[in-house]
Amino acid sequence: MLLWPALDSPSLSPEARGIIADPAGDVLFSVASILEIVIKSGLGRQDFLVDAARLRQRAVNAGFGELPIRAPHVLAVGELPSIHSDPFDRILLAQARIEGFTFLTGDEKLVQYGSPVHRV
């Protein structure tokens, strides 16, 4: 989801735009998202061809908080049912659960995990 607001993607719903723009809320991005971009960009994936360092800096400058990956997040991945196989989505979900955050996604499959996933 980090790429969509950064690139002003038309895939970003009005609801998601409102949540991100709400000054009363805290918007965080995970270091896992930066890792995903670096890896997939390095593999030549056209949908990930962005400068990850520049994207991170733009997110920080926009007031987004940066969520590091910690051991409890990684361990929580092992407790997730095998609904979704993408390791990046799984760590993001685990982070949201451990930290008590809402996880915004456009991925319908992730909704099957229930709270804290919110499809936008």
PDB file of N, CA and C in Angstrom:
ATOM      1  N   MET A   1       0.824  -1.200   0.000  1.00  0.00           N
ATOM      2  CA  MET A   1       0.000   0.000   0.000  1.00  0.00           C
ATOM      3  C   MET A   1       0.864   1.258   0.000  1.00  0.00           C
ATOM      4  N   LEU A   2       2.116   1.157   0.389  1.00  0.00           N
ATOM      5  CA  LEU A   2       2.988   2.334   0.431  1.00  0.00           C
ATOM      6  C   LEU A   2       3.171   2.956  -0.948  1.00  0.00           C
ATOM      7  N   LEU A   3       3.264   2.126  -1.972  1.00  0.00           N
ATOM      8  CA  LEU A   3       3.464   2.658  -3.320  1.00  0.00           C
ATOM      9  C   LEU A   3       2.260   3.448  -3.825  1.00  0.00           C
ATOM     10  N   TRP A   4       1.067   3.012  -3.492  1.00  0.00           N
ATOM     11  CA  TRP A   4      -0.123   3.679  -4.033  1.00  0.00           C
ATOM     12  C   TRP A   4      -0.218   5.151  -3.642  1.00  0.00           C
ATOM     13  N   PRO A   5      -0.103   5.500  -2.355  1.00  0.00           N
ATOM     14  CA  PRO A   5      -0.168   6.938  -2.039  1.00  0.00           C
ATOM     15  C   PRO A   5       1.042   7.702  -2.574  1.00  0.00           C
ATOM     16  N   ALA A   6       2.212   7.053  -2.570  1.00  0.00           N
ATOM     17  CA  ALA A   6       3.415   7.734  -3.044  1.00  0.00           C
ATOM     18  C   ALA A   6       3.331   8.069  -4.524  1.00  0.00           C
ATOM     19  N   LEU A   7       2.692   7.185  -5.285  1.00  0.00           N
ATOM     20  CA  LEU A   7       2.578   7.389  -6.729  1.00  0.00           C
ATOM     21  C   LEU A   7       1.237   7.989  -7.126  1.00  0.00           C
ATOM     22  N   ASP A   8       0.422   8.342  -6.127  1.00  0.00           N
ATOM     23  CA  ASP A   8      -0.919   8.865  -6.361  1.00  0.00           C
ATOM     24  C   ASP A   8      -1.689   7.948  -7.319  1.00  0.00           C
ATOM     25  N   SER A   9      -1.636   6.666  -7.017  1.00  0.00           N
ATOM     26  CA  SER A   9      -2.245   5.645  -7.863  1.00  0.00           C
ATOM     27  C   SER A   9      -3.766   5.768  -7.890  1.00  0.00           C
ATOM     28  N   PRO A  10      -4.373   5.582  -9.053  1.00  0.00           N
ATOM     29  CA  PRO A  10      -5.835   5.564  -9.121  1.00  0.00           C
ATOM     30  C   PRO A  10      -6.415   4.360  -8.380  1.00  0.00           C
ATOM     31  N   SER A  11      -5.589   3.379  -8.043  1.00  0.00           N
ATOM     32  CA  SER A  11      -6.047   2.222  -7.265  1.00  0.00           C
ATOM     33  C   SER A  11      -6.347   2.600  -5.814  1.00  0.00           C
ATOM     34  N   LEU A  12      -5.817   3.724  -5.369  1.00  0.00           N
ATOM     35  CA  LEU A  12      -6.040   4.176  -4.001  1.00  0.00           C
ATOM     36  C   LEU A  12      -7.450   4.747  -3.883  1.00  0.00           C
ATOM     37  N   SER A  13      -8.262   4.101  -3.080  1.00  0.00           N
ATOM     38  CA  SER A  13      -9.667   4.486  -2.954  1.00  0.00           C
ATOM     39  C   SER A  13      -9.822   5.841  -2.255  1.00  0.00           C
ATOM     40  N   PRO A  14     -10.955   6.502  -2.466  1.00  0.00           N
ATOM     41  CA  PRO A  14     -11.217   7.749  -1.742  1.00  0.00           C
ATOM     42  C   PRO A  14     -11.181   7.540  -0.224  1.00  0.00           C
ATOM     43  N   GLU A  15     -11.662   6.369   0.229  1.00  0.00           N
ATOM     44  CA  GLU A  15     -11.627   6.087   1.663  1.00  0.00           C
ATOM     45  C   GLU A  15     -10.187   6.053   2.175  1.00  0.00           C
ATOM     46  N   ALA A  16      -9.322   5.370   1.447  1.00  0.00           N
ATOM     47  CA  ALA A  16      -7.915   5.288   1.852  1.00  0.00           C
ATOM     48  C   ALA A  16      -7.265   6.666   1.833  1.00  0.00           C
ATOM     49  N   ARG A  17      -7.570   7.450   0.811  1.00  0.00           N
ATOM     50  CA  ARG A  17      -7.022   8.812   0.735  1.00  0.00           C
ATOM     51  C   ARG A  17      -7.439   9.631   1.952  1.00  0.00           C
ATOM     52  N   GLY A  18      -8.693   9.471   2.349  1.00  0.00           N
ATOM     53  CA  GLY A  18      -9.194  10.196   3.510  1.00  0.00           C
ATOM     54  C   GLY A  18      -8.500   9.770   4.791  1.00  0.00           C
ATOM     55  N   ILE A  19      -8.307   8.482   4.963  1.00  0.00           N
ATOM     56  CA  ILE A  19      -7.630   7.967   6.158  1.00  0.00           C
ATOM     57  C   ILE A  19      -6.196   8.487   6.214  1.00  0.00           C
ATOM     58  N   ILE A  20      -5.508   8.434   5.100  1.00  0.00           N
ATOM     59  CA  ILE A  20      -4.115   8.885   5.050  1.00  0.00           C
ATOM     60  C   ILE A  20      -4.010  10.388   5.291  1.00  0.00           C
ATOM     61  N   ALA A  21      -4.941  11.153   4.780  1.00  0.00           N
ATOM     62  CA  ALA A  21      -4.890  12.611   4.901  1.00  0.00           C
ATOM     63  C   ALA A  21      -5.394  13.123   6.244  1.00  0.00           C
ATOM     64  N   ASP A  22      -6.062  12.291   7.011  1.00  0.00           N
ATOM     65  CA  ASP A  22      -6.644  12.720   8.289  1.00  0.00           C
ATOM     66  C   ASP A  22      -5.539  13.108   9.276  1.00  0.00           C
ATOM     67  N   PRO A  23      -5.472  14.384   9.662  1.00  0.00           N
ATOM     68  CA  PRO A  23      -4.411  14.822  10.570  1.00  0.00           C
ATOM     69  C   PRO A  23      -4.548  14.227  11.980  1.00  0.00           C
ATOM     70  N   ALA A  24      -5.707  13.702  12.308  1.00  0.00           N
ATOM     71  CA  ALA A  24      -5.915  13.115  13.637  1.00  0.00           C
ATOM     72  C   ALA A  24      -5.324  11.711  13.749  1.00  0.00           C
ATOM     73  N   GLY A  25      -5.012  11.087  12.619  1.00  0.00           N
ATOM     74  CA  GLY A  25      -4.500   9.719  12.634  1.00  0.00           C
ATOM     75  C   GLY A  25      -3.006   9.661  12.419  1.00  0.00           C
ATOM     76  N   ASP A  26      -2.432   8.562  12.830  1.00  0.00           N
ATOM     77  CA  ASP A  26      -1.015   8.304  12.575  1.00  0.00           C
ATOM     78  C   ASP A  26      -0.918   7.320  11.410  1.00  0.00           C
ATOM     79  N   VAL A  27      -0.104   7.647  10.444  1.00  0.00           N
ATOM     80  CA  VAL A  27       0.110   6.766   9.303  1.00  0.00           C
ATOM     81  C   VAL A  27       1.536   6.240   9.406  1.00  0.00           C
ATOM     82  N   LEU A  28       1.647   4.924   9.358  1.00  0.00           N
ATOM     83  CA  LEU A  28       2.954   4.278   9.448  1.00  0.00           C
ATOM     84  C   LEU A  28       3.215   3.468   8.190  1.00  0.00           C
ATOM     85  N   PHE A  29       4.469   3.297   7.867  1.00  0.00           N
ATOM     86  CA  PHE A  29       4.851   2.353   6.822  1.00  0.00           C
ATOM     87  C   PHE A  29       5.892   1.436   7.434  1.00  0.00           C
ATOM     88  N   SER A  30       5.910   0.213   6.964  1.00  0.00           N
ATOM     89  CA  SER A  30       6.834  -0.776   7.494  1.00  0.00           C
ATOM     90  C   SER A  30       8.119  -0.820   6.688  1.00  0.00           C
ATOM     91  N   VAL A  31       9.197  -1.061   7.371  1.00  0.00           N
ATOM     92  CA  VAL A  31      10.473  -1.297   6.708  1.00  0.00           C
ATOM     93  C   VAL A  31      10.340  -2.495   5.761  1.00  0.00           C
ATOM     94  N   ALA A  32       9.416  -3.407   6.067  1.00  0.00           N
ATOM     95  CA  ALA A  32       9.169  -4.551   5.181  1.00  0.00           C
ATOM     96  C   ALA A  32       8.727  -4.090   3.799  1.00  0.00           C
ATOM     97  N   SER A  33       7.985  -3.007   3.732  1.00  0.00           N
ATOM     98  CA  SER A  33       7.555  -2.477   2.434  1.00  0.00           C
ATOM     99  C   SER A  33       8.736  -1.956   1.631  1.00  0.00           C
ATOM    100  N   ILE A  34       9.673  -1.314   2.316  1.00  0.00           N
ATOM    101  CA  ILE A  34      10.874  -0.828   1.638  1.00  0.00           C
ATOM    102  C   ILE A  34      11.696  -2.021   1.137  1.00  0.00           C
ATOM    103  N   LEU A  35      11.819  -3.057   1.974  1.00  0.00           N
ATOM    104  CA  LEU A  35      12.539  -4.264   1.573  1.00  0.00           C
ATOM    105  C   LEU A  35      11.890  -4.901   0.343  1.00  0.00           C
ATOM    106  N   GLU A  36      10.566  -4.979   0.344  1.00  0.00           N
ATOM    107  CA  GLU A  36       9.857  -5.556  -0.800  1.00  0.00           C
ATOM    108  C   GLU A  36      10.148  -4.777  -2.078  1.00  0.00           C
ATOM    109  N   ILE A  37      10.145  -3.471  -1.982  1.00  0.00           N
ATOM    110  CA  ILE A  37      10.402  -2.631  -3.146  1.00  0.00           C
ATOM    111  C   ILE A  37      11.831  -2.841  -3.655  1.00  0.00           C
ATOM    112  N   VAL A  38      12.792  -2.880  -2.743  1.00  0.00           N
ATOM    113  CA  VAL A  38      14.191  -3.089  -3.122  1.00  0.00           C
ATOM    114  C   VAL A  38      14.355  -4.431  -3.831  1.00  0.00           C
ATOM    115  N   ILE A  39      13.781  -5.487  -3.259  1.00  0.00           N
ATOM    116  CA  ILE A  39      13.924  -6.827  -3.842  1.00  0.00           C
ATOM    117  C   ILE A  39      13.235  -6.926  -5.195  1.00  0.00           C
ATOM    118  N   LYS A  40      11.973  -6.496  -5.255  1.00  0.00           N
ATOM    119  CA  LYS A  40      11.219  -6.658  -6.498  1.00  0.00           C
ATOM    120  C   LYS A  40      11.701  -5.714  -7.593  1.00  0.00           C
ATOM    121  N   SER A  41      12.176  -4.541  -7.221  1.00  0.00           N
ATOM    122  CA  SER A  41      12.769  -3.633  -8.200  1.00  0.00           C
ATOM    123  C   SER A  41      14.049  -4.246  -8.760  1.00  0.00           C
ATOM    124  N   GLY A  42      14.845  -4.848  -7.888  1.00  0.00           N
ATOM    125  CA  GLY A  42      16.079  -5.506  -8.312  1.00  0.00           C
ATOM    126  C   GLY A  42      15.840  -6.681  -9.249  1.00  0.00           C
ATOM    127  N   LEU A  43      14.662  -7.284  -9.123  1.00  0.00           N
ATOM    128  CA  LEU A  43      14.293  -8.382 -10.004  1.00  0.00           C
ATOM    129  C   LEU A  43      13.690  -7.894 -11.321  1.00  0.00           C
ATOM    130  N   GLY A  44      13.554  -6.568 -11.443  1.00  0.00           N
ATOM    131  CA  GLY A  44      13.033  -5.997 -12.677  1.00  0.00           C
ATOM    132  C   GLY A  44      11.521  -5.924 -12.762  1.00  0.00           C
ATOM    133  N   ARG A  45      10.828  -6.098 -11.647  1.00  0.00           N
ATOM    134  CA  ARG A  45       9.368  -6.015 -11.659  1.00  0.00           C
ATOM    135  C   ARG A  45       8.945  -4.592 -12.025  1.00  0.00           C
ATOM    136  N   GLN A  46       8.222  -4.452 -13.110  1.00  0.00           N
ATOM    137  CA  GLN A  46       7.821  -3.149 -13.626  1.00  0.00           C
ATOM    138  C   GLN A  46       6.981  -2.348 -12.627  1.00  0.00           C
ATOM    139  N   ASP A  47       6.179  -3.045 -11.819  1.00  0.00           N
ATOM    140  CA  ASP A  47       5.321  -2.351 -10.866  1.00  0.00           C
ATOM    141  C   ASP A  47       6.065  -1.937  -9.598  1.00  0.00           C
ATOM    142  N   PHE A  48       7.365  -2.205  -9.534  1.00  0.00           N
ATOM    143  CA  PHE A  48       8.162  -1.821  -8.368  1.00  0.00           C
ATOM    144  C   PHE A  48       9.400  -1.025  -8.759  1.00  0.00           C
ATOM    145  N   LEU A  49       9.450  -0.496  -9.959  1.00  0.00           N
ATOM    146  CA  LEU A  49      10.624   0.240 -10.416  1.00  0.00           C
ATOM    147  C   LEU A  49      10.594   1.679  -9.895  1.00  0.00           C
ATOM    148  N   VAL A  50      10.907   1.810  -8.620  1.00  0.00           N
ATOM    149  CA  VAL A  50      11.009   3.115  -7.979  1.00  0.00           C
ATOM    150  C   VAL A  50      12.287   3.140  -7.150  1.00  0.00           C
ATOM    151  N   ASP A  51      12.755   4.320  -6.854  1.00  0.00           N
ATOM    152  CA  ASP A  51      13.927   4.493  -6.001  1.00  0.00           C
ATOM    153  C   ASP A  51      13.456   4.346  -4.553  1.00  0.00           C
ATOM    154  N   ALA A  52      13.789   3.223  -3.925  1.00  0.00           N
ATOM    155  CA  ALA A  52      13.299   2.930  -2.580  1.00  0.00           C
ATOM    156  C   ALA A  52      13.775   3.955  -1.557  1.00  0.00           C
ATOM    157  N   ALA A  53      15.013   4.417  -1.673  1.00  0.00           N
ATOM    158  CA  ALA A  53      15.529   5.411  -0.724  1.00  0.00           C
ATOM    159  C   ALA A  53      14.764   6.726  -0.846  1.00  0.00           C
ATOM    160  N   ARG A  54      14.493   7.102  -2.065  1.00  0.00           N
ATOM    161  CA  ARG A  54      13.743   8.348  -2.292  1.00  0.00           C
ATOM    162  C   ARG A  54      12.295   8.209  -1.814  1.00  0.00           C
ATOM    163  N   LEU A  55      11.690   7.058  -2.084  1.00  0.00           N
ATOM    164  CA  LEU A  55      10.327   6.802  -1.622  1.00  0.00           C
ATOM    165  C   LEU A  55      10.259   6.865  -0.103  1.00  0.00           C
ATOM    166  N   ARG A  56      11.203   6.210   0.568  1.00  0.00           N
ATOM    167  CA  ARG A  56      11.237   6.250   2.030  1.00  0.00           C
ATOM    168  C   ARG A  56      11.339   7.687   2.532  1.00  0.00           C
ATOM    169  N   GLN A  57      12.229   8.467   1.934  1.00  0.00           N
ATOM    170  CA  GLN A  57      12.407   9.847   2.384  1.00  0.00           C
ATOM    171  C   GLN A  57      11.141  10.674   2.162  1.00  0.00           C
ATOM    172  N   ARG A  58      10.482  10.443   1.045  1.00  0.00           N
ATOM    173  CA  ARG A  58       9.221  11.153   0.782  1.00  0.00           C
ATOM    174  C   ARG A  58       8.168  10.797   1.825  1.00  0.00           C
ATOM    175  N   ALA A  59       8.104   9.524   2.192  1.00  0.00           N
ATOM    176  CA  ALA A  59       7.142   9.090   3.202  1.00  0.00           C
ATOM    177  C   ALA A  59       7.440   9.742   4.553  1.00  0.00           C
ATOM    178  N   VAL A  60       8.708   9.756   4.931  1.00  0.00           N
ATOM    179  CA  VAL A  60       9.114  10.393   6.188  1.00  0.00           C
ATOM    180  C   VAL A  60       8.800  11.887   6.148  1.00  0.00           C
ATOM    181  N   ASN A  61       9.120  12.540   5.029  1.00  0.00           N
ATOM    182  CA  ASN A  61       8.851  13.973   4.880  1.00  0.00           C
ATOM    183  C   ASN A  61       7.358  14.284   4.924  1.00  0.00           C
ATOM    184  N   ALA A  62       6.542  13.321   4.482  1.00  0.00           N
ATOM    185  CA  ALA A  62       5.084  13.510   4.506  1.00  0.00           C
ATOM    186  C   ALA A  62       4.500  13.271   5.897  1.00  0.00           C
ATOM    187  N   GLY A  63       5.356  12.896   6.831  1.00  0.00           N
ATOM    188  CA  GLY A  63       4.889  12.696   8.201  1.00  0.00           C
ATOM    189  C   GLY A  63       4.525  11.261   8.550  1.00  0.00           C
ATOM    190  N   PHE A  64       4.808  10.326   7.638  1.00  0.00           N
ATOM    191  CA  PHE A  64       4.549   8.917   7.935  1.00  0.00           C
ATOM    192  C   PHE A  64       5.603   8.420   8.922  1.00  0.00           C
ATOM    193  N   GLY A  65       5.178   7.630   9.879  1.00  0.00           N
ATOM    194  CA  GLY A  65       6.112   7.009  10.806  1.00  0.00           C
ATOM    195  C   GLY A  65       6.680   5.737  10.199  1.00  0.00           C
ATOM    196  N   GLU A  66       7.885   5.396  10.598  1.00  0.00           N
ATOM    197  CA  GLU A  66       8.546   4.204  10.080  1.00  0.00           C
ATOM    198  C   GLU A  66       8.510   3.108  11.146  1.00  0.00           C
ATOM    199  N   LEU A  67       7.974   1.956  10.778  1.00  0.00           N
ATOM    200  CA  LEU A  67       7.852   0.823  11.688  1.00  0.00           C
ATOM    201  C   LEU A  67       8.937  -0.202  11.372  1.00  0.00           C
ATOM    202  N   PRO A  68       9.879  -0.393  12.298  1.00  0.00           N
ATOM    203  CA  PRO A  68      10.916  -1.398  12.052  1.00  0.00           C
ATOM    204  C   PRO A  68      10.364  -2.811  12.206  1.00  0.00           C
ATOM    205  N   ILE A  69      11.088  -3.771  11.685  1.00  0.00           N
ATOM    206  CA  ILE A  69      10.740  -5.179  11.872  1.00  0.00           C
ATOM    207  C   ILE A  69      11.474  -5.647  13.126  1.00  0.00           C
ATOM    208  N   ARG A  70      10.710  -6.189  14.073  1.00  0.00           N
ATOM    209  CA  ARG A  70      11.291  -6.695  15.320  1.00  0.00           C
ATOM    210  C   ARG A  70      11.003  -8.193  15.439  1.00  0.00           C
ATOM    211  N   ALA A  71      11.713  -8.853  16.319  1.00  0.00           N
ATOM    212  CA  ALA A  71      11.562 -10.302  16.498  1.00  0.00           C
ATOM    213  C   ALA A  71      10.120 -10.717  16.797  1.00  0.00           C
ATOM    214  N   PRO A  72       9.373 -10.012  17.652  1.00  0.00           N
ATOM    215  CA  PRO A  72       7.984 -10.432  17.879  1.00  0.00           C
ATOM    216  C   PRO A  72       7.132 -10.419  16.611  1.00  0.00           C
ATOM    217  N   HIS A  73       7.426  -9.501  15.700  1.00  0.00           N
ATOM    218  CA  HIS A  73       6.711  -9.457  14.420  1.00  0.00           C
ATOM    219  C   HIS A  73       7.005 -10.723  13.615  1.00  0.00           C
ATOM    220  N   VAL A  74       8.273 -11.063  13.551  1.00  0.00           N
ATOM    221  CA  VAL A  74       8.684 -12.238  12.777  1.00  0.00           C
ATOM    222  C   VAL A  74       8.086 -13.509  13.372  1.00  0.00           C
ATOM    223  N   LEU A  75       8.125 -13.620  14.687  1.00  0.00           N
ATOM    224  CA  LEU A  75       7.569 -14.801  15.340  1.00  0.00           C
ATOM    225  C   LEU A  75       6.068 -14.918  15.126  1.00  0.00           C
ATOM    226  N   ALA A  76       5.380 -13.774  15.073  1.00  0.00           N
ATOM    227  CA  ALA A  76       3.931 -13.780  14.867  1.00  0.00           C
ATOM    228  C   ALA A  76       3.551 -14.267  13.475  1.00  0.00           C
ATOM    229  N   VAL A  77       4.449 -14.142  12.513  1.00  0.00           N
ATOM    230  CA  VAL A  77       4.181 -14.658  11.163  1.00  0.00           C
ATOM    231  C   VAL A  77       3.907 -16.156  11.234  1.00  0.00           C
ATOM    232  N   GLY A  78       4.648 -16.863  12.065  1.00  0.00           N
ATOM    233  CA  GLY A  78       4.480 -18.300  12.205  1.00  0.00           C
ATOM    234  C   GLY A  78       3.147 -18.718  12.795  1.00  0.00           C
ATOM    235  N   GLU A  79       2.453 -17.783  13.436  1.00  0.00           N
ATOM    236  CA  GLU A  79       1.155 -18.072  14.044  1.00  0.00           C
ATOM    237  C   GLU A  79      -0.012 -17.800  13.089  1.00  0.00           C
ATOM    238  N   LEU A  80       0.282 -17.218  11.934  1.00  0.00           N
ATOM    239  CA  LEU A  80      -0.780 -16.892  10.983  1.00  0.00           C
ATOM    240  C   LEU A  80      -1.209 -18.128  10.207  1.00  0.00           C
ATOM    241  N   PRO A  81      -2.518 -18.277   9.983  1.00  0.00           N
ATOM    242  CA  PRO A  81      -2.949 -19.366   9.107  1.00  0.00           C
ATOM    243  C   PRO A  81      -2.437 -19.133   7.685  1.00  0.00           C
ATOM    244  N   SER A  82      -2.357 -20.188   6.922  1.00  0.00           N
ATOM    245  CA  SER A  82      -1.793 -20.119   5.563  1.00  0.00           C
ATOM    246  C   SER A  82      -2.817 -19.647   4.533  1.00  0.00           C
ATOM    247  N   ILE A  83      -3.424 -18.517   4.795  1.00  0.00           N
ATOM    248  CA  ILE A  83      -4.409 -17.951   3.869  1.00  0.00           C
ATOM    249  C   ILE A  83      -3.705 -17.265   2.705  1.00  0.00           C
ATOM    250  N   HIS A  84      -2.624 -16.598   3.006  1.00  0.00           N
ATOM    251  CA  HIS A  84      -1.906 -15.792   2.016  1.00  0.00           C
ATOM    252  C   HIS A  84      -0.447 -16.213   2.042  1.00  0.00           C
ATOM    253  N   SER A  85       0.148 -16.415   0.873  1.00  0.00           N
ATOM    254  CA  SER A  85       1.521 -16.917   0.823  1.00  0.00           C
ATOM    255  C   SER A  85       2.579 -15.831   0.683  1.00  0.00           C
ATOM    256  N   ASP A  86       2.182 -14.597   0.380  1.00  0.00           N
ATOM    257  CA  ASP A  86       3.165 -13.533   0.172  1.00  0.00           C
ATOM    258  C   ASP A  86       3.845 -13.193   1.506  1.00  0.00           C
ATOM    259  N   PRO A  87       5.162 -13.392   1.605  1.00  0.00           N
ATOM    260  CA  PRO A  87       5.842 -13.150   2.884  1.00  0.00           C
ATOM    261  C   PRO A  87       5.803 -11.686   3.324  1.00  0.00           C
ATOM    262  N   PHE A  88       5.760 -10.769   2.379  1.00  0.00           N
ATOM    263  CA  PHE A  88       5.713  -9.357   2.746  1.00  0.00           C
ATOM    264  C   PHE A  88       4.356  -9.004   3.348  1.00  0.00           C
ATOM    265  N   ASP A  89       3.295  -9.476   2.742  1.00  0.00           N
ATOM    266  CA  ASP A  89       1.964  -9.223   3.309  1.00  0.00           C
ATOM    267  C   ASP A  89       1.822  -9.876   4.677  1.00  0.00           C
ATOM    268  N   ARG A  90       2.413 -11.042   4.842  1.00  0.00           N
ATOM    269  CA  ARG A  90       2.312 -11.744   6.115  1.00  0.00           C
ATOM    270  C   ARG A  90       3.047 -10.991   7.236  1.00  0.00           C
ATOM    271  N   ILE A  91       4.209 -10.438   6.949  1.00  0.00           N
ATOM    272  CA  ILE A  91       4.921  -9.688   7.990  1.00  0.00           C
ATOM    273  C   ILE A  91       4.182  -8.385   8.298  1.00  0.00           C
ATOM    274  N   LEU A  92       3.609  -7.742   7.283  1.00  0.00           N
ATOM    275  CA  LEU A  92       2.836  -6.524   7.523  1.00  0.00           C
ATOM    276  C   LEU A  92       1.638  -6.804   8.419  1.00  0.00           C
ATOM    277  N   LEU A  93       0.956  -7.893   8.156  1.00  0.00           N
ATOM    278  CA  LEU A  93      -0.186  -8.280   8.979  1.00  0.00           C
ATOM    279  C   LEU A  93       0.259  -8.591  10.410  1.00  0.00           C
ATOM    280  N   ALA A  94       1.336  -9.335  10.544  1.00  0.00           N
ATOM    281  CA  ALA A  94       1.846  -9.665  11.876  1.00  0.00           C
ATOM    282  C   ALA A  94       2.219  -8.393  12.643  1.00  0.00           C
ATOM    283  N   GLN A  95       2.847  -7.452  11.966  1.00  0.00           N
ATOM    284  CA  GLN A  95       3.202  -6.191  12.618  1.00  0.00           C
ATOM    285  C   GLN A  95       1.951  -5.459  13.106  1.00  0.00           C
ATOM    286  N   ALA A  96       0.946  -5.395  12.256  1.00  0.00           N
ATOM    287  CA  ALA A  96      -0.284  -4.704  12.634  1.00  0.00           C
ATOM    288  C   ALA A  96      -0.924  -5.375  13.853  1.00  0.00           C
ATOM    289  N   ARG A  97      -0.930  -6.677  13.871  1.00  0.00           N
ATOM    290  CA  ARG A  97      -1.517  -7.393  15.011  1.00  0.00           C
ATOM    291  C   ARG A  97      -0.731  -7.138  16.293  1.00  0.00           C
ATOM    292  N   ILE A  98       0.569  -7.268  16.235  1.00  0.00           N
ATOM    293  CA  ILE A  98       1.415  -7.085  17.424  1.00  0.00           C
ATOM    294  C   ILE A  98       1.318  -5.657  17.957  1.00  0.00           C
ATOM    295  N   GLU A  99       1.328  -4.692  17.046  1.00  0.00           N
ATOM    296  CA  GLU A  99       1.353  -3.277  17.445  1.00  0.00           C
ATOM    297  C   GLU A  99      -0.040  -2.694  17.702  1.00  0.00           C
ATOM    298  N   GLY A 100      -1.084  -3.433  17.322  1.00  0.00           N
ATOM    299  CA  GLY A 100      -2.438  -2.935  17.529  1.00  0.00           C
ATOM    300  C   GLY A 100      -2.864  -1.886  16.519  1.00  0.00           C
ATOM    301  N   PHE A 101      -2.304  -1.962  15.311  1.00  0.00           N
ATOM    302  CA  PHE A 101      -2.634  -1.005  14.253  1.00  0.00           C
ATOM    303  C   PHE A 101      -3.624  -1.611  13.269  1.00  0.00           C
ATOM    304  N   THR A 102      -4.319  -0.760  12.561  1.00  0.00           N
ATOM    305  CA  THR A 102      -5.152  -1.189  11.449  1.00  0.00           C
ATOM    306  C   THR A 102      -4.261  -1.340  10.228  1.00  0.00           C
ATOM    307  N   PHE A 103      -4.447  -2.427   9.505  1.00  0.00           N
ATOM    308  CA  PHE A 103      -3.656  -2.712   8.310  1.00  0.00           C
ATOM    309  C   PHE A 103      -4.517  -2.431   7.094  1.00  0.00           C
ATOM    310  N   LEU A 104      -4.203  -1.360   6.373  1.00  0.00           N
ATOM    311  CA  LEU A 104      -4.935  -0.999   5.166  1.00  0.00           C
ATOM    312  C   LEU A 104      -4.353  -1.769   3.984  1.00  0.00           C
ATOM    313  N   THR A 105      -5.234  -2.353   3.190  1.00  0.00           N
ATOM    314  CA  THR A 105      -4.789  -3.118   2.033  1.00  0.00           C
ATOM    315  C   THR A 105      -5.825  -3.059   0.925  1.00  0.00           C
ATOM    316  N   GLY A 106      -5.372  -3.288  -0.267  1.00  0.00           N
ATOM    317  CA  GLY A 106      -6.274  -3.434  -1.401  1.00  0.00           C
ATOM    318  C   GLY A 106      -6.477  -4.888  -1.760  1.00  0.00           C
ATOM    319  N   ASP A 107      -5.848  -5.786  -1.014  1.00  0.00           N
ATOM    320  CA  ASP A 107      -5.852  -7.214  -1.300  1.00  0.00           C
ATOM    321  C   ASP A 107      -7.027  -7.905  -0.611  1.00  0.00           C
ATOM    322  N   GLU A 108      -7.984  -8.338  -1.414  1.00  0.00           N
ATOM    323  CA  GLU A 108      -9.193  -8.995  -0.890  1.00  0.00           C
ATOM    324  C   GLU A 108      -8.856 -10.261  -0.101  1.00  0.00           C
ATOM    325  N   LYS A 109      -7.829 -10.956  -0.515  1.00  0.00           N
ATOM    326  CA  LYS A 109      -7.466 -12.206   0.154  1.00  0.00           C
ATOM    327  C   LYS A 109      -7.057 -11.964   1.614  1.00  0.00           C
ATOM    328  N   LEU A 110      -6.410 -10.844   1.880  1.00  0.00           N
ATOM    329  CA  LEU A 110      -5.976 -10.539   3.244  1.00  0.00           C
ATOM    330  C   LEU A 110      -7.140 -10.290   4.191  1.00  0.00           C
ATOM    331  N   VAL A 111      -8.281  -9.891   3.663  1.00  0.00           N
ATOM    332  CA  VAL A 111      -9.463  -9.630   4.489  1.00  0.00           C
ATOM    333  C   VAL A 111      -9.893 -10.899   5.227  1.00  0.00           C
ATOM    334  N   GLN A 112      -9.561 -12.049   4.671  1.00  0.00           N
ATOM    335  CA  GLN A 112      -9.927 -13.318   5.306  1.00  0.00           C
ATOM    336  C   GLN A 112      -9.289 -13.490   6.684  1.00  0.00           C
ATOM    337  N   TYR A 113      -8.231 -12.747   6.963  1.00  0.00           N
ATOM    338  CA  TYR A 113      -7.598 -12.809   8.281  1.00  0.00           C
ATOM    339  C   TYR A 113      -8.427 -12.093   9.350  1.00  0.00           C
ATOM    340  N   GLY A 114      -9.353 -11.266   8.925  1.00  0.00           N
ATOM    341  CA  GLY A 114     -10.142 -10.513   9.900  1.00  0.00           C
ATOM    342  C   GLY A 114      -9.349  -9.352  10.467  1.00  0.00           C
ATOM    343  N   SER A 115      -9.746  -8.902  11.637  1.00  0.00           N
ATOM    344  CA  SER A 115      -9.092  -7.781  12.281  1.00  0.00           C
ATOM    345  C   SER A 115      -7.606  -8.073  12.476  1.00  0.00           C
ATOM    346  N   PRO A 116      -6.752  -7.137  12.212  1.00  0.00           N
ATOM    347  CA  PRO A 116      -6.904  -5.705  12.002  1.00  0.00           C
ATOM    348  C   PRO A 116      -6.914  -5.274  10.538  1.00  0.00           C
ATOM    349  N   VAL A 117      -7.222  -6.173   9.620  1.00  0.00           N
ATOM    350  CA  VAL A 117      -7.186  -5.858   8.195  1.00  0.00           C
ATOM    351  C   VAL A 117      -8.405  -5.037   7.803  1.00  0.00           C
ATOM    352  N   HIS A 118      -8.152  -3.985   7.057  1.00  0.00           N
ATOM    353  CA  HIS A 118      -9.245  -3.152   6.524  1.00  0.00           C
ATOM    354  C   HIS A 118      -8.962  -2.940   5.043  1.00  0.00           C
ATOM    355  N   ARG A 119      -9.855  -3.447   4.208  1.00  0.00           N
ATOM    356  CA  ARG A 119      -9.683  -3.293   2.750  1.00  0.00           C
ATOM    357  C   ARG A 119     -10.209  -1.943   2.312  1.00  0.00           C
ATOM    358  N   VAL A 120      -9.359  -1.231   1.598  1.00  0.00           N
ATOM    359  CA  VAL A 120      -9.745   0.096   1.089  1.00  0.00           C
ATOM    360  C   VAL A 120      -9.535   0.147  -0.409  1.00  0.00           C
TER     361      VAL A 120
END
